[in-house]
Amino acid sequence: MRVIDVGANLGFYTLLMADLVGPSGHVHAFEPTPRVASRLAKSVDVNGFGGRVRLHAAPVTERPGDLVELFVPRSDPSHAAICPAGSRQPALGDEVVALHTVTIDDVIGDESVDFIKVDAEGAEFAIWRGMRRLIARNGPLVLSRIRGRAISRPSGLSNGDRRGRFQPGTGRLYRPGRAANGGRNLGGQSPPG
């Protein structure tokens, strides 16, 4: 079994999934916040899952290679947010880290995936758009936490995208009720009727 944990944080779900996939399974854990990723790596090793977990210390979005700034609040590093480089000023005490983005499609390639967990402080829809090929090809079960207030303009999403959904089996994001076929695809193609 192969699983993905986007927004792994300190690894609660990463460790649970590493145990569940067993010795022949694999977990891809994505956590861009440097201090948090370092603690996650130590936790994975201490718990004996180093051979099952691959840590990716990069922000996940819809386009690979974009230069972004990760704003890490000093008081709560688990609530970091990515923004296009130079697009905002940090709050007093925030740590700012320049990073390059990755997509799930590019990191995973043709690898088969059974389950994906996404909890990324408002970047969820951009992350989904960056794994369209995987979802269309593989149809993994996706669990995603979305908090309305956390979805913000820095994530690159419009208000319409916030109400978008994936068309099952296609990997296409669409907005329900906008077209006769049940939705207007936000990725440029209409979902199957």
Protein backbone atom coordinates (compact mmCIF):
# COMPACT_ATOMS: atom_id res chain seq x y z
CA MET A 1 0.00 0.00 0.00
CA ARG A 2 1.21 3.51 -0.85
CA VAL A 3 -0.14 6.67 0.76
CA ILE A 4 0.53 10.42 0.72
CA ASP A 5 0.35 12.85 3.64
CA VAL A 6 0.33 16.49 2.48
CA GLY A 7 0.67 18.86 5.40
CA ALA A 8 2.24 16.17 7.55
CA ASN A 9 3.06 18.58 10.37
CA LEU A 10 4.68 16.66 13.25
CA GLY A 11 3.58 13.35 11.78
CA PHE A 12 0.60 12.08 13.74
CA TYR A 13 -1.06 10.73 10.57
CA THR A 14 2.27 9.96 8.91
CA LEU A 15 3.18 7.59 11.74
CA LEU A 16 -0.27 5.99 11.82
CA MET A 17 -0.13 5.41 8.07
CA ALA A 18 3.46 4.11 8.24
CA ASP A 19 2.30 1.50 10.72
CA LEU A 20 -0.78 0.61 8.66
CA VAL A 21 1.03 0.19 5.33
CA GLY A 22 3.35 -2.37 6.88
CA PRO A 23 6.96 -3.20 5.98
CA SER A 24 6.24 -3.40 2.24
CA GLY A 25 4.26 -0.13 2.13
CA HIS A 26 5.38 3.43 1.63
CA VAL A 27 4.33 6.89 2.87
CA HIS A 28 5.21 10.14 1.09
CA ALA A 29 5.05 12.89 3.75
CA PHE A 30 5.09 16.52 2.61
CA GLU A 31 5.92 19.22 5.18
CA PRO A 32 7.51 22.49 4.01
CA THR A 33 8.11 24.19 7.38
CA PRO A 34 11.81 23.53 8.14
CA ARG A 35 11.57 23.29 11.97
CA VAL A 36 8.48 21.09 11.77
CA ALA A 37 9.96 18.87 9.02
CA SER A 38 13.09 18.36 11.12
CA ARG A 39 11.02 17.20 14.08
CA LEU A 40 8.95 14.96 11.80
CA ALA A 41 12.12 13.32 10.44
CA LYS A 42 13.33 12.61 13.99
CA SER A 43 9.94 11.18 14.96
CA VAL A 44 9.88 8.89 11.92
CA ASP A 45 13.36 7.59 12.77
CA VAL A 46 12.68 7.17 16.52
CA ASN A 47 9.56 5.15 15.71
CA GLY A 48 11.46 2.88 13.32
CA PHE A 49 9.68 3.95 10.13
CA GLY A 50 12.67 5.42 8.27
CA GLY A 51 12.45 2.74 5.58
CA ARG A 52 8.73 3.35 4.98
CA VAL A 53 8.50 7.15 5.01
CA ARG A 54 9.97 9.54 2.50
CA LEU A 55 9.89 13.13 3.72
CA HIS A 56 9.54 15.91 1.14
CA ALA A 57 10.37 19.29 2.72
CA ALA A 58 8.73 21.36 -0.01
CA PRO A 59 5.42 23.16 -0.49
CA VAL A 60 2.94 21.31 -2.69
CA THR A 61 0.83 23.24 -5.19
CA GLU A 62 -0.38 23.08 -8.79
CA ARG A 63 2.86 24.10 -10.56
CA PRO A 64 6.36 22.76 -9.91
CA GLY A 65 9.37 25.02 -9.54
CA ASP A 66 7.62 28.26 -8.53
CA LEU A 67 9.58 30.36 -6.05
CA VAL A 68 7.37 31.01 -3.03
CA GLU A 69 7.83 32.37 0.44
CA LEU A 70 6.72 30.36 3.42
CA PHE A 71 5.56 32.62 6.24
CA VAL A 72 5.99 30.79 9.54
CA PRO A 73 4.37 32.40 12.60
CA ARG A 74 6.77 32.29 15.54
CA SER A 75 3.93 31.43 17.92
CA ASP A 76 2.58 28.49 15.89
CA PRO A 77 4.79 27.09 13.10
CA SER A 78 2.08 24.59 12.14
CA HIS A 79 0.04 27.47 10.65
CA ALA A 80 2.56 28.49 8.02
CA ALA A 81 1.30 29.87 4.71
CA ILE A 82 2.87 30.03 1.26
CA CYS A 83 2.67 33.15 -0.90
CA PRO A 84 4.24 34.13 -4.22
CA ALA A 85 7.72 35.54 -3.59
CA GLY A 86 7.61 39.25 -2.73
CA SER A 87 3.82 39.41 -2.49
CA ARG A 88 3.49 40.25 1.20
CA GLN A 89 5.34 41.57 4.21
CA PRO A 90 5.90 39.28 7.19
CA ALA A 91 4.25 40.02 10.51
CA LEU A 92 6.57 40.95 13.34
CA GLY A 93 8.39 37.79 14.42
CA ASP A 94 7.40 35.68 11.40
CA GLU A 95 10.11 33.56 9.84
CA VAL A 96 10.18 33.77 6.03
CA VAL A 97 11.69 30.90 4.05
CA ALA A 98 12.13 30.91 0.26
CA LEU A 99 11.25 27.54 -1.27
CA HIS A 100 10.44 26.01 -4.66
CA THR A 101 7.11 24.26 -5.12
CA VAL A 102 6.45 20.68 -6.19
CA THR A 103 3.35 18.91 -7.46
CA ILE A 104 2.14 15.50 -6.42
CA ASP A 105 2.02 14.47 -10.09
CA ASP A 106 5.70 15.33 -10.58
CA VAL A 107 6.95 13.76 -7.34
CA ILE A 108 4.88 10.58 -7.59
CA GLY A 109 5.19 10.08 -11.35
CA ASP A 110 3.64 6.76 -12.39
CA GLU A 111 3.66 5.33 -8.86
CA SER A 112 0.36 3.83 -7.70
CA VAL A 113 -1.24 5.48 -4.64
CA ASP A 114 -4.11 4.12 -2.52
CA PHE A 115 -4.85 6.99 -0.12
CA ILE A 116 -4.09 10.73 0.14
CA LYS A 117 -4.55 12.98 3.18
CA VAL A 118 -4.38 16.75 2.58
CA ASP A 119 -4.42 19.41 5.32
CA ALA A 120 -2.60 22.45 4.00
CA GLU A 121 -3.93 25.67 5.53
CA GLY A 122 -6.01 26.77 2.56
CA ALA A 123 -3.88 25.51 -0.34
CA GLU A 124 -5.95 22.34 -0.78
CA PHE A 125 -7.53 23.15 -4.16
CA ALA A 126 -4.18 24.16 -5.67
CA ILE A 127 -2.72 20.90 -4.35
CA TRP A 128 -5.58 18.91 -5.91
CA ARG A 129 -4.97 20.59 -9.27
CA GLY A 130 -1.35 19.44 -8.99
CA MET A 131 -2.39 15.79 -8.69
CA ARG A 132 -4.97 15.57 -11.48
CA ARG A 133 -3.02 12.94 -13.42
CA LEU A 134 -2.67 10.73 -10.35
CA ILE A 135 -6.35 10.98 -9.51
CA ALA A 136 -7.48 10.37 -13.09
CA ARG A 137 -5.10 7.42 -13.51
CA ASN A 138 -5.29 5.85 -10.08
CA GLY A 139 -8.48 7.03 -8.33
CA PRO A 140 -7.09 7.00 -4.77
CA LEU A 141 -9.28 7.81 -1.80
CA VAL A 142 -8.66 11.45 -0.83
CA LEU A 143 -9.32 12.86 2.64
CA SER A 144 -8.97 16.63 2.78
CA ARG A 145 -9.56 19.12 5.55
CA ILE A 146 -10.74 22.49 4.28
CA ARG A 147 -11.35 25.44 6.54
CA GLY A 148 -13.18 28.25 4.73
CA ARG A 149 -11.33 31.06 6.49
CA ALA A 150 -7.97 29.43 5.83
CA ILE A 151 -8.51 29.56 2.06
CA SER A 152 -7.02 32.89 1.19
CA ARG A 153 -5.95 34.91 -1.80
CA PRO A 154 -2.23 34.08 -1.25
CA SER A 155 -3.07 30.47 -2.12
CA GLY A 156 -3.97 31.67 -5.63
CA LEU A 157 -7.61 30.65 -5.42
CA SER A 158 -10.65 32.64 -6.44
CA ASN A 159 -13.94 32.52 -4.56
CA GLY A 160 -15.37 30.25 -7.27
CA ASP A 161 -12.59 27.71 -6.83
CA ARG A 162 -13.45 27.39 -3.16
CA ARG A 163 -16.71 25.75 -4.08
CA GLY A 164 -15.19 23.51 -6.75
CA ARG A 165 -15.23 19.74 -6.56
CA PHE A 166 -13.54 16.91 -8.37
CA GLN A 167 -15.55 14.98 -10.92
CA PRO A 168 -15.14 11.38 -9.71
CA GLY A 169 -12.84 9.30 -11.87
CA THR A 170 -11.65 12.20 -14.03
CA GLY A 171 -9.24 14.20 -11.89
CA ARG A 172 -11.03 17.35 -13.07
CA LEU A 173 -12.13 20.13 -10.77
CA TYR A 174 -15.58 21.53 -11.52
CA ARG A 175 -18.16 23.86 -10.02
CA PRO A 176 -21.53 22.14 -9.43
CA GLY A 177 -24.72 23.53 -10.95
CA ARG A 178 -23.09 25.84 -13.51
CA ALA A 179 -23.78 23.93 -16.69
CA ALA A 180 -26.35 21.54 -18.10
CA ASN A 181 -23.92 18.66 -17.65
CA GLY A 182 -23.77 19.26 -13.88
CA GLY A 183 -20.83 21.61 -13.58
CA ARG A 184 -18.32 23.95 -15.16
CA ASN A 185 -14.85 22.47 -15.09
CA LEU A 186 -12.30 24.84 -13.58
CA GLY A 187 -9.52 23.05 -15.44
CA GLY A 188 -10.81 23.82 -18.92
CA GLN A 189 -12.76 20.69 -19.85
CA SER A 190 -16.32 19.76 -19.00
CA PRO A 191 -16.94 16.74 -16.79
CA PRO A 192 -18.52 13.73 -18.45
CA GLY A 193 -22.30 13.96 -18.70
